[in-house]
Amino acid sequence: MARWEPDASGRLVEAAMQLYRERGFDQTTVADIAARAGLTERTFFRYFADKREVLFSGSHTLQDFLVEKVTQAPPSMRPLDAVARAVAASGEIFESRRDFARQRQTLIVSHPELHERELIKFAALASAIGEALRRRGVPAPAAGLAADAGMTIFKRAFQSWLDDTKKKDLAHHVRAAQTELEGVVASARRRRAPSW
């Protein structure tokens, strides 16, 4: 077997997803994944820290994409709008991978350790986006809130996109989630301040 295989990373991801569907996540080992891909365990570990990371391998690409989009937003754009627009644009990354994303999400919600890893990845995204907003001159508290709110919009929109039988694009679901969030905030503003 050749030491360097073309698209080894992609082959490992595909093999892992097949095995997770066939055997279940807990019953699949790194050795199983490597064997299914026709590669060695050593090759597996060149690309992934563990079998969980196969499901999160694109997180750095997504983070770089979102940070770049936030950085490029017009200076006059509200922080939350800049984040939501960046999230909406990320649909171009996900659109051709909707089936994979559905399978991935099913695995994540059914395994607490994967769900925990997902939350860690979202926290890292929020941190990177918050830093991008601060570099745009947004004060730290507002940048953090906008980044966290943007990740809330992302999570809600992404799940709606996965569940959408009409296959509307992610941008549609991002706009709907942002409208919903802003409606909640507006409603809270209209109410009297809590007495506690």
Foldseek 3Di string as FASTA:
>chain_A
DDQDDPPLLVLLLVLLLVCCVVPNNVPDALCSSQVSSVHHSVVVVVQDVGSLCSLVSCLVVLLVQQLVQLLPPPLPDDLLVSNLVSLLVCLVVCVVPLVVVLSSVVNQVVDVVSVVVVVVSLVVSLVSQLVSVVVSVDDNVSSSVSSVLSSVLNVQLSVCCSVDPVNDTSSVSSVVSVVVVVVVVVVVVPDDDDPD
